Every structure is written in structure tokens, then in C-alpha cells.
Amino acid sequence: MAYVISKDDCIQCGACETECPHGAISLEGDFYVIDETKCEDCASCVDVCPTGSISQK
């Protein structure tokens, strides 16, 4: 199961993008998104998110 980033809670700090070992997170426009095809469910992004805006889909 992939993860998703809440646009309402994300502060665009970029911590999740640099933490992702699979390159699944990128900034698209004003929001970070997780590419489901690259996400390996490792939860590294969840651990570093300061706002708790990343959850399982």
C-alpha cells in the first residue's frame, strides 16, 4: 500500500523528498506528491515528516 501526502497539512519543507530511498517523492507545483509506482512502503517519509501529513492510502 502506498503513502499519500495531505495537501492541507504539508508545509513543503522537503524532508520527505530527501529521505525517500526510492525517489518516489517530488514537488509538483506547490505540493509534494508520492509516486505510487515507486513507493516501497518503507515509511521513511512518515518518520521525518514534522507535521504528520503523510499516511497510508
C-alpha atoms as a PDB file:
ATOM      1  CA  MET A   1       0.000   0.000   0.000  1.00  0.00           C
ATOM      2  CA  ALA A   2       1.411   3.398  -0.965  1.00  0.00           C
ATOM      3  CA  TYR A   3       1.525   6.570   1.087  1.00  0.00           C
ATOM      4  CA  VAL A   4      -0.120   9.907   0.368  1.00  0.00           C
ATOM      5  CA  ILE A   5       0.715  13.459   1.456  1.00  0.00           C
ATOM      6  CA  SER A   6      -2.097  15.659   2.741  1.00  0.00           C
ATOM      7  CA  LYS A   7      -2.042  18.969   0.865  1.00  0.00           C
ATOM      8  CA  ASP A   8      -3.837  20.602   3.787  1.00  0.00           C
ATOM      9  CA  ASP A   9      -1.150  19.686   6.331  1.00  0.00           C
ATOM     10  CA  CYS A  10       2.091  19.691   4.297  1.00  0.00           C
ATOM     11  CA  ILE A  11       4.328  22.731   4.851  1.00  0.00           C
ATOM     12  CA  GLN A  12       6.558  21.930   1.837  1.00  0.00           C
ATOM     13  CA  CYS A  13       9.685  21.522   3.973  1.00  0.00           C
ATOM     14  CA  GLY A  14      11.146  18.848   1.654  1.00  0.00           C
ATOM     15  CA  ALA A  15      12.231  16.476   4.433  1.00  0.00           C
ATOM     16  CA  CYS A  16      10.297  13.592   2.909  1.00  0.00           C
ATOM     17  CA  GLU A  17      11.783  14.041  -0.562  1.00  0.00           C
ATOM     18  CA  THR A  18      15.377  13.839   0.630  1.00  0.00           C
ATOM     19  CA  GLU A  19      14.604  10.909   2.960  1.00  0.00           C
ATOM     20  CA  CYS A  20      12.921   8.683   0.349  1.00  0.00           C
ATOM     21  CA  PRO A  21      15.425   5.990  -0.730  1.00  0.00           C
ATOM     22  CA  HIS A  22      13.370   5.167  -3.823  1.00  0.00           C
ATOM     23  CA  GLY A  23      12.964   8.648  -5.311  1.00  0.00           C
ATOM     24  CA  ALA A  24       9.183   8.362  -5.066  1.00  0.00           C
ATOM     25  CA  ILE A  25       8.551  11.871  -3.719  1.00  0.00           C
ATOM     26  CA  SER A  26       8.748  15.030  -5.781  1.00  0.00           C
ATOM     27  CA  LEU A  27       7.498  18.590  -5.777  1.00  0.00           C
ATOM     28  CA  GLU A  28       4.760  19.115  -8.339  1.00  0.00           C
ATOM     29  CA  GLY A  29       3.645  22.711  -8.465  1.00  0.00           C
ATOM     30  CA  ASP A  30       3.169  23.820  -4.868  1.00  0.00           C
ATOM     31  CA  PHE A  31       2.785  20.336  -3.337  1.00  0.00           C
ATOM     32  CA  TYR A  32       4.843  17.237  -2.724  1.00  0.00           C
ATOM     33  CA  VAL A  33       3.412  14.024  -4.148  1.00  0.00           C
ATOM     34  CA  ILE A  34       4.302  10.354  -3.831  1.00  0.00           C
ATOM     35  CA  ASP A  35       4.550   8.255  -6.984  1.00  0.00           C
ATOM     36  CA  GLU A  36       2.706   5.026  -6.144  1.00  0.00           C
ATOM     37  CA  THR A  37       4.708   3.063  -8.704  1.00  0.00           C
ATOM     38  CA  LYS A  38       7.983   3.899  -6.936  1.00  0.00           C
ATOM     39  CA  CYS A  39       6.818   3.792  -3.302  1.00  0.00           C
ATOM     40  CA  GLU A  40       8.067   0.677  -1.497  1.00  0.00           C
ATOM     41  CA  ASP A  41       6.103   1.257   1.738  1.00  0.00           C
ATOM     42  CA  CYS A  42       9.239   1.739   3.807  1.00  0.00           C
ATOM     43  CA  ALA A  43       7.679   4.615   5.815  1.00  0.00           C
ATOM     44  CA  SER A  44      10.917   6.622   5.876  1.00  0.00           C
ATOM     45  CA  CYS A  45       8.951   9.679   4.826  1.00  0.00           C
ATOM     46  CA  VAL A  46       6.452   9.219   7.646  1.00  0.00           C
ATOM     47  CA  ASP A  47       9.241   9.168  10.224  1.00  0.00           C
ATOM     48  CA  VAL A  48      10.704  12.531   9.149  1.00  0.00           C
ATOM     49  CA  CYS A  49       7.516  14.483   8.432  1.00  0.00           C
ATOM     50  CA  PRO A  50       7.288  17.263  11.053  1.00  0.00           C
ATOM     51  CA  THR A  51       3.547  17.792  10.535  1.00  0.00           C
ATOM     52  CA  GLY A  52       2.377  14.177  10.285  1.00  0.00           C
ATOM     53  CA  SER A  53       0.885  14.870   6.879  1.00  0.00           C
ATOM     54  CA  ILE A  54       1.905  11.531   5.336  1.00  0.00           C
ATOM     55  CA  SER A  55      -0.311   8.489   5.768  1.00  0.00           C
ATOM     56  CA  GLN A  56      -1.096   5.186   4.077  1.00  0.00           C
ATOM     57  CA  LYS A  57      -3.521   5.457   1.221  1.00  0.00           C
END
